[in-house]
C-alpha cells in the first residue's frame, strides 16, 4: 500500500496498520488496518474505531444500552430507524476501543465536505481520561469540517459541555437552529451549532440543514 505523505506504517503484535501524524497526537489511533482478525487487532492497537453495519453485531445490544442511558429520550432515534440506517454508506455507528476495551460510541454522518457528529458518548466509568478529545482528534485527520450540536449553554452542565468542545477546537455558530423531532408527535428542539476548525458560512449552514432534514432525519419515525 502506498502511504500519503507523513503517514507511518506500524506493526503491533504481528498486525500491520497505518497511523497519521495527527492520530499520534490523538493517542495512536488506527486509520487503516490490514489484517484478518479485528478482535485481535483491538487488543493490539492503542485506540481504534470499529464500525457496526448490522444489528446482528455481537456488541450492538451493549452499544444501544449505552446510547439509551446517555441521551434523553427525545434525542434518541427509534430502534427501527437506528437499525435501518446502519446500512447507509454515509452513516457510521462506531465503537470506540482503547487497547481492546470498549469505552464509548461516536455516531456520525460523513459527506464530501463535512462530518456531522449526531451522537457521541463515553462510558461513565471511562470519562475524564481524554477519550473524547482523542476521538475528535482522530476525526479531524480526515481533513473535513466537523459539525455537531449542543444544548444552549444555560446551566452548569451545558456550559461545561460547550467549554469542552471549545477546548477541542470547536466554535459556536450564530444561526438559529431547530433539530427535527425523532418521534412522532414531538416538536423539534433548539440546539446550538458548533463546528471545527472554524465557523461555517450561512450557505454552508443552509446546505447542512437541508441534508439534516432530507437525508439524516428522513424516515426517523413512522
N, C-alpha and C. Protein backbone atom coordinates (compact mmCIF):
# COMPACT_ATOMS: atom_id res chain seq x y z
N UNK A 1 0.85 -1.20 0.00
CA UNK A 1 0.00 0.00 0.00
C UNK A 1 0.88 1.24 0.00
N UNK A 2 0.59 2.21 -0.88
CA UNK A 2 1.32 3.48 -0.92
C UNK A 2 0.71 4.43 0.09
N UNK A 3 1.53 4.99 0.98
CA UNK A 3 1.03 5.81 2.06
C UNK A 3 1.08 7.29 1.69
N UNK A 4 0.10 8.07 2.18
CA UNK A 4 0.17 9.52 1.99
C UNK A 4 1.39 10.08 2.71
N UNK A 5 1.83 11.24 2.29
CA UNK A 5 3.00 11.87 2.90
C UNK A 5 2.79 12.08 4.39
N UNK A 6 3.79 11.67 5.17
CA UNK A 6 3.74 11.87 6.60
C UNK A 6 3.11 10.73 7.37
N UNK A 7 2.50 9.76 6.68
CA UNK A 7 1.87 8.65 7.37
C UNK A 7 2.91 7.56 7.63
N UNK A 8 2.71 6.83 8.73
CA UNK A 8 3.66 5.84 9.16
C UNK A 8 3.03 4.46 9.16
N UNK A 9 3.80 3.47 8.75
CA UNK A 9 3.37 2.08 8.83
C UNK A 9 3.89 1.50 10.13
N UNK A 10 3.00 0.87 10.91
CA UNK A 10 3.38 0.32 12.20
C UNK A 10 2.96 -1.14 12.27
N UNK A 11 3.68 -1.91 13.05
CA UNK A 11 3.31 -3.29 13.30
C UNK A 11 3.21 -3.48 14.80
N UNK A 12 2.06 -4.01 15.25
CA UNK A 12 1.86 -4.27 16.66
C UNK A 12 1.38 -5.70 16.80
N UNK A 13 2.09 -6.49 17.58
CA UNK A 13 1.71 -7.88 17.83
C UNK A 13 1.45 -8.64 16.53
N UNK A 14 2.22 -8.34 15.51
CA UNK A 14 2.09 -9.06 14.25
C UNK A 14 1.04 -8.54 13.32
N UNK A 15 0.37 -7.44 13.68
CA UNK A 15 -0.67 -6.87 12.82
C UNK A 15 -0.18 -5.53 12.29
N UNK A 16 -0.38 -5.30 11.00
CA UNK A 16 0.10 -4.06 10.40
C UNK A 16 -1.05 -3.08 10.25
N UNK A 17 -0.78 -1.81 10.55
CA UNK A 17 -1.77 -0.76 10.35
C UNK A 17 -1.04 0.53 10.09
N UNK A 18 -1.78 1.58 9.75
CA UNK A 18 -1.19 2.86 9.39
C UNK A 18 -1.77 3.93 10.27
N UNK A 19 -0.92 4.84 10.76
CA UNK A 19 -1.40 5.95 11.57
C UNK A 19 -0.92 7.25 10.96
N UNK A 20 -1.70 8.28 11.16
CA UNK A 20 -1.34 9.60 10.64
C UNK A 20 -0.63 10.39 11.71
N UNK A 21 0.08 11.46 11.34
CA UNK A 21 0.72 12.29 12.35
C UNK A 21 -0.26 12.83 13.38
N UNK A 22 -1.45 13.27 12.91
CA UNK A 22 -2.44 13.80 13.86
C UNK A 22 -2.94 12.73 14.80
N UNK A 23 -3.05 11.48 14.32
CA UNK A 23 -3.56 10.44 15.20
C UNK A 23 -2.53 10.04 16.23
N UNK A 24 -1.25 10.32 15.97
CA UNK A 24 -0.24 10.10 17.00
C UNK A 24 -0.52 11.02 18.19
N UNK A 25 -0.90 12.26 17.89
CA UNK A 25 -1.25 13.20 18.94
C UNK A 25 -2.50 12.72 19.66
N UNK A 26 -3.43 12.11 18.89
CA UNK A 26 -4.69 11.66 19.47
C UNK A 26 -4.52 10.40 20.30
N UNK A 27 -3.37 9.82 20.32
CA UNK A 27 -3.16 8.62 21.13
C UNK A 27 -2.85 7.40 20.30
N UNK A 28 -2.39 7.57 19.07
CA UNK A 28 -2.01 6.43 18.26
C UNK A 28 -3.18 5.68 17.69
N UNK A 29 -4.28 6.37 17.37
CA UNK A 29 -5.46 5.69 16.86
C UNK A 29 -5.22 5.18 15.45
N UNK A 30 -5.74 4.00 15.16
CA UNK A 30 -5.51 3.40 13.86
C UNK A 30 -6.39 4.03 12.80
N UNK A 31 -5.81 4.27 11.61
CA UNK A 31 -6.58 4.79 10.49
C UNK A 31 -6.92 3.68 9.52
N UNK A 32 -5.94 2.90 9.12
CA UNK A 32 -6.18 1.75 8.27
C UNK A 32 -5.67 0.50 8.96
N UNK A 33 -6.38 -0.60 8.79
CA UNK A 33 -5.94 -1.87 9.37
C UNK A 33 -5.85 -2.91 8.27
N UNK A 34 -4.76 -3.64 8.24
CA UNK A 34 -4.55 -4.67 7.22
C UNK A 34 -4.30 -5.99 7.92
N UNK A 35 -5.36 -6.72 8.21
CA UNK A 35 -5.21 -7.98 8.94
C UNK A 35 -6.53 -8.72 8.97
N UNK A 36 -6.52 -10.02 9.29
CA UNK A 36 -7.71 -10.84 9.16
C UNK A 36 -8.66 -10.80 10.35
N UNK A 37 -8.19 -10.40 11.53
CA UNK A 37 -8.98 -10.58 12.73
C UNK A 37 -9.10 -9.27 13.49
N UNK A 38 -10.25 -8.62 13.36
CA UNK A 38 -10.43 -7.32 14.01
C UNK A 38 -10.41 -7.44 15.53
N UNK A 39 -10.93 -8.56 16.08
CA UNK A 39 -10.95 -8.69 17.52
C UNK A 39 -9.54 -8.73 18.09
N UNK A 40 -8.62 -9.39 17.39
CA UNK A 40 -7.24 -9.41 17.85
C UNK A 40 -6.57 -8.06 17.65
N UNK A 41 -6.96 -7.37 16.57
CA UNK A 41 -6.40 -6.04 16.33
C UNK A 41 -6.78 -5.08 17.44
N UNK A 42 -8.04 -5.18 17.93
CA UNK A 42 -8.48 -4.31 19.01
C UNK A 42 -7.58 -4.44 20.23
N UNK A 43 -7.10 -5.65 20.49
CA UNK A 43 -6.25 -5.88 21.65
C UNK A 43 -4.86 -5.28 21.43
N UNK A 44 -4.42 -5.27 20.18
CA UNK A 44 -3.06 -4.83 19.89
C UNK A 44 -2.95 -3.32 19.74
N UNK A 45 -3.96 -2.68 19.14
CA UNK A 45 -3.89 -1.24 18.87
C UNK A 45 -4.11 -0.44 20.14
N UNK A 46 -3.59 0.77 20.17
CA UNK A 46 -3.78 1.63 21.33
C UNK A 46 -5.21 2.12 21.39
N UNK A 47 -5.70 2.63 20.29
CA UNK A 47 -7.08 3.13 20.23
C UNK A 47 -7.59 3.01 18.81
N UNK A 48 -8.82 2.57 18.65
CA UNK A 48 -9.37 2.45 17.30
C UNK A 48 -10.89 2.49 17.33
N UNK A 49 -11.46 2.72 16.15
CA UNK A 49 -12.91 2.73 15.96
C UNK A 49 -13.30 1.52 15.14
N UNK A 50 -14.40 0.89 15.52
CA UNK A 50 -14.93 -0.23 14.73
C UNK A 50 -16.36 0.09 14.32
N UNK A 51 -16.62 0.04 13.03
CA UNK A 51 -17.93 0.40 12.51
C UNK A 51 -18.87 -0.80 12.55
N UNK A 52 -20.09 -0.58 13.05
CA UNK A 52 -21.14 -1.59 13.04
C UNK A 52 -22.05 -1.33 11.85
N UNK A 53 -22.28 -2.34 11.04
CA UNK A 53 -23.15 -2.19 9.87
C UNK A 53 -24.36 -3.13 9.92
N UNK A 54 -24.53 -3.84 11.02
CA UNK A 54 -25.65 -4.77 11.15
C UNK A 54 -26.08 -4.85 12.61
N UNK A 55 -27.39 -4.90 12.86
CA UNK A 55 -27.86 -5.06 14.24
C UNK A 55 -27.52 -6.43 14.81
N UNK A 56 -26.99 -7.33 14.00
CA UNK A 56 -26.59 -8.65 14.47
C UNK A 56 -25.18 -8.66 15.05
N UNK A 57 -24.50 -7.53 14.98
CA UNK A 57 -23.17 -7.44 15.56
C UNK A 57 -23.24 -7.80 17.05
N UNK A 58 -22.29 -8.59 17.56
CA UNK A 58 -22.37 -9.06 18.95
C UNK A 58 -22.37 -7.96 20.01
N UNK A 59 -21.87 -6.77 19.68
CA UNK A 59 -21.84 -5.69 20.66
C UNK A 59 -22.91 -4.62 20.41
N UNK A 60 -23.77 -4.86 19.42
CA UNK A 60 -24.78 -3.84 19.10
C UNK A 60 -25.73 -3.60 20.27
N UNK A 61 -26.16 -4.66 20.93
CA UNK A 61 -27.09 -4.50 22.06
C UNK A 61 -26.43 -3.71 23.18
N UNK A 62 -25.19 -4.03 23.50
CA UNK A 62 -24.49 -3.30 24.56
C UNK A 62 -24.30 -1.84 24.18
N UNK A 63 -23.99 -1.60 22.91
CA UNK A 63 -23.81 -0.23 22.44
C UNK A 63 -25.11 0.56 22.56
N UNK A 64 -26.24 -0.07 22.21
CA UNK A 64 -27.53 0.61 22.31
C UNK A 64 -27.87 0.94 23.76
N UNK A 65 -27.49 0.07 24.69
CA UNK A 65 -27.76 0.34 26.10
C UNK A 65 -27.02 1.61 26.55
N UNK A 66 -25.77 1.76 26.11
CA UNK A 66 -25.02 2.97 26.43
C UNK A 66 -25.70 4.18 25.78
N UNK A 67 -26.11 4.05 24.54
CA UNK A 67 -26.79 5.12 23.82
C UNK A 67 -28.04 5.57 24.56
N UNK A 68 -28.83 4.61 25.04
CA UNK A 68 -30.11 4.93 25.66
C UNK A 68 -29.98 5.60 27.02
N UNK A 69 -28.89 5.31 27.75
CA UNK A 69 -28.71 5.95 29.05
C UNK A 69 -27.95 7.27 28.94
N UNK A 70 -27.39 7.55 27.77
CA UNK A 70 -26.56 8.74 27.60
C UNK A 70 -27.32 9.94 27.08
N UNK A 71 -28.50 9.73 26.47
CA UNK A 71 -29.24 10.83 25.86
C UNK A 71 -30.70 10.79 26.30
N UNK A 72 -31.31 11.97 26.46
CA UNK A 72 -32.75 11.98 26.78
C UNK A 72 -33.55 11.36 25.64
N UNK A 73 -34.71 10.83 25.98
CA UNK A 73 -35.50 10.08 25.00
C UNK A 73 -35.78 10.90 23.75
N UNK A 74 -36.06 12.19 23.90
CA UNK A 74 -36.43 12.99 22.73
C UNK A 74 -35.26 13.20 21.78
N UNK A 75 -34.03 12.86 22.20
CA UNK A 75 -32.85 12.98 21.33
C UNK A 75 -32.39 11.62 20.79
N UNK A 76 -33.16 10.57 21.04
CA UNK A 76 -32.77 9.23 20.60
C UNK A 76 -33.58 8.79 19.38
N UNK A 77 -32.90 8.12 18.47
CA UNK A 77 -33.62 7.50 17.35
C UNK A 77 -34.44 6.33 17.86
N UNK A 78 -35.55 6.09 17.16
CA UNK A 78 -36.32 4.88 17.45
C UNK A 78 -35.54 3.67 16.96
N UNK A 79 -35.78 2.52 17.58
CA UNK A 79 -34.97 1.32 17.34
C UNK A 79 -34.96 0.92 15.86
N UNK A 80 -36.11 0.98 15.21
CA UNK A 80 -36.18 0.56 13.81
C UNK A 80 -35.36 1.51 12.93
N UNK A 81 -35.38 2.80 13.26
CA UNK A 81 -34.64 3.78 12.47
C UNK A 81 -33.14 3.59 12.64
N UNK A 82 -32.70 3.36 13.88
CA UNK A 82 -31.28 3.15 14.14
C UNK A 82 -30.77 1.91 13.39
N UNK A 83 -31.54 0.84 13.42
CA UNK A 83 -31.12 -0.38 12.72
C UNK A 83 -31.10 -0.18 11.21
N UNK A 84 -32.08 0.57 10.69
CA UNK A 84 -32.18 0.76 9.24
C UNK A 84 -31.01 1.55 8.68
N UNK A 85 -30.56 2.58 9.40
CA UNK A 85 -29.50 3.43 8.84
C UNK A 85 -28.11 2.83 8.96
N UNK A 86 -27.98 1.73 9.69
CA UNK A 86 -26.67 1.07 9.78
C UNK A 86 -26.14 0.70 8.40
N UNK A 87 -27.05 0.46 7.45
CA UNK A 87 -26.66 0.04 6.10
C UNK A 87 -26.36 1.23 5.18
N UNK A 88 -26.56 2.44 5.67
CA UNK A 88 -26.34 3.63 4.84
C UNK A 88 -24.83 3.90 4.75
N UNK A 89 -24.34 4.07 3.54
CA UNK A 89 -22.91 4.29 3.34
C UNK A 89 -22.39 5.53 4.06
N UNK A 90 -23.25 6.53 4.24
CA UNK A 90 -22.81 7.79 4.85
C UNK A 90 -22.80 7.73 6.38
N UNK A 91 -23.48 6.74 6.94
CA UNK A 91 -23.64 6.68 8.39
C UNK A 91 -22.61 5.76 9.04
N UNK A 92 -22.05 6.22 10.14
CA UNK A 92 -21.07 5.43 10.88
C UNK A 92 -21.55 5.26 12.32
N UNK A 93 -21.79 4.03 12.69
CA UNK A 93 -22.09 3.67 14.08
C UNK A 93 -20.81 3.01 14.59
N UNK A 94 -19.95 3.81 15.21
CA UNK A 94 -18.60 3.36 15.54
C UNK A 94 -18.41 3.11 17.03
N UNK A 95 -17.91 1.92 17.34
CA UNK A 95 -17.49 1.59 18.70
C UNK A 95 -16.09 2.15 18.92
N UNK A 96 -15.85 2.69 20.10
CA UNK A 96 -14.54 3.23 20.45
C UNK A 96 -13.84 2.23 21.36
N UNK A 97 -12.64 1.82 20.98
CA UNK A 97 -11.86 0.89 21.78
C UNK A 97 -10.54 1.53 22.19
N UNK A 98 -10.11 1.23 23.39
CA UNK A 98 -8.77 1.59 23.84
C UNK A 98 -8.08 0.32 24.33
N UNK A 99 -7.03 -0.09 23.60
CA UNK A 99 -6.30 -1.31 23.93
C UNK A 99 -7.24 -2.50 24.10
N UNK A 100 -8.25 -2.58 23.23
CA UNK A 100 -9.17 -3.71 23.24
C UNK A 100 -10.35 -3.55 24.16
N UNK A 101 -10.42 -2.46 24.93
CA UNK A 101 -11.53 -2.23 25.86
C UNK A 101 -12.53 -1.27 25.25
N UNK A 102 -13.81 -1.66 25.26
CA UNK A 102 -14.88 -0.80 24.75
C UNK A 102 -15.07 0.38 25.70
N UNK A 103 -14.97 1.60 25.18
CA UNK A 103 -15.07 2.78 26.04
C UNK A 103 -16.19 3.74 25.64
N UNK A 104 -16.76 3.61 24.43
CA UNK A 104 -17.81 4.54 24.06
C UNK A 104 -18.25 4.40 22.62
N UNK A 105 -19.04 5.40 22.18
CA UNK A 105 -19.63 5.41 20.84
C UNK A 105 -19.46 6.78 20.20
N UNK A 106 -19.26 6.78 18.88
CA UNK A 106 -19.38 8.01 18.11
C UNK A 106 -20.18 7.67 16.86
N UNK A 107 -21.32 8.33 16.71
CA UNK A 107 -22.26 8.06 15.62
C UNK A 107 -22.31 9.30 14.73
N UNK A 108 -21.91 9.15 13.48
CA UNK A 108 -21.77 10.34 12.64
C UNK A 108 -22.09 10.05 11.19
N UNK A 109 -22.32 11.13 10.44
CA UNK A 109 -22.60 11.08 9.01
C UNK A 109 -21.46 11.79 8.28
N UNK A 110 -20.95 11.16 7.24
CA UNK A 110 -19.83 11.73 6.51
C UNK A 110 -20.23 12.04 5.07
N UNK A 111 -20.11 13.31 4.70
CA UNK A 111 -20.36 13.74 3.33
C UNK A 111 -19.02 14.11 2.69
N UNK A 112 -19.07 14.63 1.49
CA UNK A 112 -17.83 15.01 0.81
C UNK A 112 -17.11 16.15 1.53
N UNK A 113 -17.87 17.03 2.17
CA UNK A 113 -17.29 18.25 2.73
C UNK A 113 -17.21 18.28 4.25
N UNK A 114 -18.03 17.51 4.93
CA UNK A 114 -18.05 17.61 6.38
C UNK A 114 -18.45 16.30 7.04
N UNK A 115 -18.20 16.24 8.34
CA UNK A 115 -18.63 15.13 9.19
C UNK A 115 -19.57 15.71 10.23
N UNK A 116 -20.78 15.19 10.29
CA UNK A 116 -21.75 15.62 11.28
C UNK A 116 -21.83 14.57 12.38
N UNK A 117 -21.46 14.95 13.59
CA UNK A 117 -21.50 14.03 14.73
C UNK A 117 -22.89 14.10 15.35
N UNK A 118 -23.67 13.05 15.14
CA UNK A 118 -25.05 13.05 15.62
C UNK A 118 -25.12 12.70 17.11
N UNK A 119 -24.38 11.69 17.52
CA UNK A 119 -24.34 11.28 18.93
C UNK A 119 -22.91 10.86 19.29
N UNK A 120 -22.52 11.17 20.52
CA UNK A 120 -21.15 10.91 20.96
C UNK A 120 -21.19 10.71 22.47
N UNK A 121 -20.77 9.54 22.95
CA UNK A 121 -20.84 9.29 24.39
C UNK A 121 -19.73 8.33 24.82
N UNK A 122 -19.30 8.50 26.06
CA UNK A 122 -18.27 7.67 26.67
C UNK A 122 -18.87 7.01 27.91
N UNK A 123 -18.51 5.76 28.15
CA UNK A 123 -18.96 5.08 29.36
C UNK A 123 -18.65 5.93 30.59
N UNK A 124 -19.57 5.96 31.54
CA UNK A 124 -19.40 6.79 32.73
C UNK A 124 -18.08 6.53 33.43
N UNK A 125 -17.74 5.26 33.58
CA UNK A 125 -16.52 4.91 34.30
C UNK A 125 -15.25 5.19 33.51
N UNK A 126 -15.41 5.54 32.23
CA UNK A 126 -14.25 5.82 31.38
C UNK A 126 -14.09 7.32 31.09
N UNK A 127 -14.90 8.14 31.71
CA UNK A 127 -14.80 9.58 31.46
C UNK A 127 -13.60 10.19 32.19
N UNK A 128 -13.25 11.40 31.77
CA UNK A 128 -12.11 12.13 32.34
C UNK A 128 -10.77 11.43 32.07
N UNK A 129 -10.73 10.69 30.94
CA UNK A 129 -9.48 10.05 30.52
C UNK A 129 -9.08 10.51 29.11
N UNK A 130 -9.69 11.61 28.67
CA UNK A 130 -9.37 12.26 27.39
C UNK A 130 -9.80 11.44 26.17
N UNK A 131 -10.72 10.49 26.35
CA UNK A 131 -11.20 9.74 25.19
C UNK A 131 -11.95 10.64 24.22
N UNK A 132 -12.73 11.58 24.76
CA UNK A 132 -13.47 12.48 23.88
C UNK A 132 -12.55 13.29 23.00
N UNK A 133 -11.53 13.89 23.60
CA UNK A 133 -10.56 14.67 22.82
C UNK A 133 -9.86 13.81 21.78
N UNK A 134 -9.51 12.60 22.14
CA UNK A 134 -8.76 11.73 21.23
C UNK A 134 -9.60 11.30 20.04
N UNK A 135 -10.88 11.02 20.27
CA UNK A 135 -11.76 10.64 19.16
C UNK A 135 -11.95 11.82 18.21
N UNK A 136 -12.17 13.00 18.75
CA UNK A 136 -12.33 14.18 17.90
C UNK A 136 -11.05 14.47 17.12
N UNK A 137 -9.89 14.28 17.74
CA UNK A 137 -8.63 14.45 17.03
C UNK A 137 -8.50 13.45 15.90
N UNK A 138 -8.96 12.24 16.12
CA UNK A 138 -8.93 11.22 15.07
C UNK A 138 -9.81 11.62 13.89
N UNK A 139 -11.02 12.11 14.16
CA UNK A 139 -11.91 12.52 13.08
C UNK A 139 -11.34 13.71 12.31
N UNK A 140 -10.60 14.56 13.00
CA UNK A 140 -10.00 15.72 12.33
C UNK A 140 -8.96 15.31 11.29
N UNK A 141 -8.38 14.11 11.41
CA UNK A 141 -7.38 13.67 10.44
C UNK A 141 -7.99 13.48 9.05
N UNK A 142 -9.31 13.46 8.95
CA UNK A 142 -9.95 13.29 7.64
C UNK A 142 -10.02 14.61 6.87
N UNK A 143 -9.56 15.68 7.49
CA UNK A 143 -9.43 16.98 6.82
C UNK A 143 -10.77 17.49 6.30
N UNK A 144 -11.81 17.31 7.12
CA UNK A 144 -13.13 17.83 6.78
C UNK A 144 -13.65 18.67 7.94
N UNK A 145 -14.57 19.57 7.64
CA UNK A 145 -15.22 20.33 8.69
C UNK A 145 -16.04 19.39 9.57
N UNK A 146 -15.89 19.53 10.89
CA UNK A 146 -16.70 18.78 11.83
C UNK A 146 -17.85 19.66 12.31
N UNK A 147 -19.05 19.08 12.34
CA UNK A 147 -20.23 19.80 12.80
C UNK A 147 -20.93 18.96 13.86
N UNK A 148 -21.37 19.62 14.92
CA UNK A 148 -22.16 18.94 15.94
C UNK A 148 -23.10 19.95 16.59
N UNK A 149 -24.01 19.44 17.41
CA UNK A 149 -24.99 20.28 18.09
C UNK A 149 -24.87 20.09 19.60
N UNK A 150 -25.09 21.17 20.34
CA UNK A 150 -25.13 21.09 21.79
C UNK A 150 -26.37 21.81 22.29
N UNK A 151 -26.76 21.51 23.53
CA UNK A 151 -27.85 22.25 24.15
C UNK A 151 -27.41 23.70 24.36
N UNK A 152 -28.35 24.64 24.30
CA UNK A 152 -27.98 26.03 24.61
C UNK A 152 -27.32 26.10 25.98
N UNK A 153 -26.22 26.84 26.11
CA UNK A 153 -25.48 26.88 27.38
C UNK A 153 -26.17 27.76 28.42
N UNK A 154 -27.13 27.17 29.11
CA UNK A 154 -27.93 27.94 30.06
C UNK A 154 -27.80 27.44 31.49
N UNK A 155 -27.11 26.32 31.71
CA UNK A 155 -26.89 25.83 33.06
C UNK A 155 -25.46 25.31 33.16
N UNK A 156 -25.08 24.85 34.34
CA UNK A 156 -23.68 24.46 34.58
C UNK A 156 -23.25 23.33 33.66
N UNK A 157 -24.12 22.33 33.46
CA UNK A 157 -23.74 21.18 32.63
C UNK A 157 -23.56 21.59 31.18
N UNK A 158 -24.52 22.36 30.64
CA UNK A 158 -24.43 22.75 29.23
C UNK A 158 -23.28 23.73 28.99
N UNK A 159 -22.99 24.58 29.97
CA UNK A 159 -21.85 25.49 29.84
C UNK A 159 -20.55 24.70 29.84
N UNK A 160 -20.47 23.70 30.72
CA UNK A 160 -19.27 22.86 30.78
C UNK A 160 -19.08 22.08 29.48
N UNK A 161 -20.19 21.58 28.93
CA UNK A 161 -20.09 20.83 27.67
C UNK A 161 -19.60 21.72 26.53
N UNK A 162 -20.12 22.93 26.48
CA UNK A 162 -19.65 23.87 25.46
C UNK A 162 -18.16 24.15 25.62
N UNK A 163 -17.72 24.33 26.86
CA UNK A 163 -16.31 24.58 27.12
C UNK A 163 -15.43 23.43 26.68
N UNK A 164 -15.92 22.20 26.86
CA UNK A 164 -15.16 21.03 26.40
C UNK A 164 -14.92 21.10 24.90
N UNK A 165 -15.98 21.36 24.13
CA UNK A 165 -15.83 21.40 22.68
C UNK A 165 -14.97 22.58 22.23
N UNK A 166 -15.07 23.68 22.93
CA UNK A 166 -14.21 24.82 22.59
C UNK A 166 -12.73 24.47 22.83
N UNK A 167 -12.44 23.75 23.89
CA UNK A 167 -11.06 23.33 24.14
C UNK A 167 -10.58 22.35 23.08
N UNK A 168 -11.52 21.68 22.43
CA UNK A 168 -11.18 20.75 21.36
C UNK A 168 -11.15 21.43 19.99
N UNK A 169 -11.27 22.74 19.96
CA UNK A 169 -11.13 23.48 18.70
C UNK A 169 -12.42 23.83 18.00
N UNK A 170 -13.57 23.64 18.66
CA UNK A 170 -14.86 23.97 18.05
C UNK A 170 -15.24 25.42 18.37
N UNK A 171 -16.02 26.01 17.48
CA UNK A 171 -16.52 27.36 17.68
C UNK A 171 -18.04 27.37 17.50
N UNK A 172 -18.70 28.27 18.20
CA UNK A 172 -20.15 28.41 18.10
C UNK A 172 -20.51 29.15 16.83
N UNK A 173 -21.61 28.75 16.20
CA UNK A 173 -22.15 29.45 15.03
C UNK A 173 -23.43 30.18 15.43
N UNK A 174 -23.72 31.32 14.78
CA UNK A 174 -24.80 32.19 15.25
C UNK A 174 -26.18 31.84 14.71
N UNK A 175 -26.31 30.80 13.90
CA UNK A 175 -27.57 30.56 13.19
C UNK A 175 -28.61 29.91 14.11
N UNK A 176 -29.82 30.46 14.18
CA UNK A 176 -30.89 29.79 14.94
C UNK A 176 -31.11 28.39 14.38
N UNK A 177 -31.20 27.40 15.26
CA UNK A 177 -31.22 26.02 14.77
C UNK A 177 -32.19 25.18 15.59
N UNK A 178 -33.09 24.52 14.88
CA UNK A 178 -34.04 23.58 15.48
C UNK A 178 -33.80 22.20 14.88
N UNK A 179 -33.45 21.24 15.74
CA UNK A 179 -33.25 19.87 15.25
C UNK A 179 -34.62 19.22 15.06
N UNK A 180 -34.87 18.58 13.91
CA UNK A 180 -36.16 17.92 13.69
C UNK A 180 -36.42 16.85 14.75
N UNK A 181 -37.69 16.54 15.02
CA UNK A 181 -38.02 15.56 16.07
C UNK A 181 -37.65 14.13 15.66
N UNK A 182 -37.32 13.33 16.67
CA UNK A 182 -37.01 11.91 16.47
C UNK A 182 -38.25 11.02 16.62
N UNK A 183 -39.34 11.60 17.19
CA UNK A 183 -40.51 10.79 17.48
C UNK A 183 -41.78 11.51 17.01
N UNK A 184 -42.72 10.73 16.52
CA UNK A 184 -43.99 11.26 16.05
C UNK A 184 -44.70 11.97 17.20
N UNK A 185 -45.20 13.16 16.93
CA UNK A 185 -45.91 13.92 17.95
C UNK A 185 -45.01 14.87 18.72
N UNK A 186 -43.70 14.69 18.61
CA UNK A 186 -42.77 15.60 19.27
C UNK A 186 -42.49 16.82 18.40
N UNK A 187 -42.09 17.89 19.04
CA UNK A 187 -41.62 19.06 18.32
C UNK A 187 -40.10 19.02 18.23
N UNK A 188 -39.56 19.76 17.27
CA UNK A 188 -38.11 19.87 17.20
C UNK A 188 -37.57 20.59 18.43
N UNK A 189 -36.28 20.42 18.70
CA UNK A 189 -35.70 21.05 19.88
C UNK A 189 -34.55 21.98 19.48
N UNK A 190 -34.46 23.10 20.19
CA UNK A 190 -33.45 24.11 19.89
C UNK A 190 -32.07 23.62 20.31
N UNK A 191 -31.11 23.76 19.44
CA UNK A 191 -29.72 23.40 19.72
C UNK A 191 -28.80 24.47 19.15
N UNK A 192 -27.55 24.42 19.56
CA UNK A 192 -26.52 25.34 19.08
C UNK A 192 -25.58 24.58 18.16
N UNK A 193 -25.31 25.13 16.98
CA UNK A 193 -24.39 24.51 16.03
C UNK A 193 -22.95 24.93 16.36
N UNK A 194 -22.09 23.91 16.49
CA UNK A 194 -20.66 24.16 16.66
C UNK A 194 -19.91 23.47 15.53
N UNK A 195 -18.78 24.05 15.14
CA UNK A 195 -18.01 23.49 14.03
C UNK A 195 -16.53 23.64 14.31
N UNK A 196 -15.75 22.82 13.62
CA UNK A 196 -14.30 22.86 13.74
C UNK A 196 -13.71 22.58 12.35
N UNK A 197 -12.66 23.30 11.96
CA UNK A 197 -11.81 24.16 12.79
C UNK A 197 -12.24 25.62 12.82
N UNK A 198 -13.29 25.97 12.09
CA UNK A 198 -13.70 27.37 12.01
C UNK A 198 -15.21 27.44 11.84
N UNK A 199 -15.78 28.66 11.98
CA UNK A 199 -17.23 28.80 11.76
C UNK A 199 -17.60 28.43 10.32
N UNK A 200 -18.85 28.02 10.13
CA UNK A 200 -19.35 27.77 8.79
C UNK A 200 -20.15 28.98 8.32
N UNK A 201 -20.21 29.17 7.02
CA UNK A 201 -20.93 30.30 6.46
C UNK A 201 -22.43 30.03 6.48
N UNK A 202 -23.21 31.07 6.20
CA UNK A 202 -24.66 30.89 6.11
C UNK A 202 -25.01 29.86 5.04
N UNK A 203 -24.34 29.95 3.90
CA UNK A 203 -24.60 28.99 2.81
C UNK A 203 -24.26 27.57 3.24
N UNK A 204 -23.15 27.41 3.96
CA UNK A 204 -22.77 26.08 4.44
C UNK A 204 -23.77 25.56 5.46
N UNK A 205 -24.24 26.45 6.33
CA UNK A 205 -25.26 26.03 7.29
C UNK A 205 -26.54 25.60 6.57
N UNK A 206 -26.95 26.38 5.57
CA UNK A 206 -28.17 26.04 4.84
C UNK A 206 -28.05 24.68 4.16
N UNK A 207 -26.88 24.40 3.60
CA UNK A 207 -26.66 23.10 2.97
C UNK A 207 -26.73 21.98 4.00
N UNK A 208 -26.08 22.19 5.14
CA UNK A 208 -26.12 21.19 6.21
C UNK A 208 -27.54 20.97 6.70
N UNK A 209 -28.28 22.04 6.91
CA UNK A 209 -29.64 21.91 7.45
C UNK A 209 -30.54 21.15 6.48
N UNK A 210 -30.38 21.40 5.20
CA UNK A 210 -31.16 20.67 4.21
C UNK A 210 -30.81 19.18 4.25
N UNK A 211 -29.52 18.88 4.40
CA UNK A 211 -29.06 17.48 4.49
C UNK A 211 -29.62 16.83 5.76
N UNK A 212 -29.65 17.58 6.84
CA UNK A 212 -30.19 17.07 8.10
C UNK A 212 -31.67 16.71 7.95
N UNK A 213 -32.43 17.59 7.33
CA UNK A 213 -33.86 17.35 7.18
C UNK A 213 -34.17 16.27 6.15
N UNK A 214 -33.51 16.34 4.99
CA UNK A 214 -33.89 15.49 3.87
C UNK A 214 -33.22 14.12 3.86
N UNK A 215 -32.06 14.01 4.48
CA UNK A 215 -31.31 12.76 4.48
C UNK A 215 -31.25 12.13 5.87
N UNK A 216 -30.67 12.85 6.82
CA UNK A 216 -30.39 12.27 8.13
C UNK A 216 -31.68 11.95 8.88
N UNK A 217 -32.64 12.86 8.86
CA UNK A 217 -33.87 12.65 9.62
C UNK A 217 -35.01 12.12 8.78
N UNK A 218 -34.75 11.76 7.55
CA UNK A 218 -35.78 11.18 6.69
C UNK A 218 -36.19 9.82 7.24
N UNK A 219 -37.46 9.60 7.44
CA UNK A 219 -37.98 8.34 7.97
C UNK A 219 -37.47 8.05 9.37
N UNK A 220 -37.26 9.10 10.19
CA UNK A 220 -36.84 8.88 11.57
C UNK A 220 -37.93 8.18 12.39
N UNK A 221 -39.18 8.36 11.96
CA UNK A 221 -40.29 7.67 12.63
C UNK A 221 -41.38 7.41 11.60
N UNK A 222 -42.25 6.46 11.94
CA UNK A 222 -43.34 6.09 11.03
C UNK A 222 -44.47 7.10 11.17
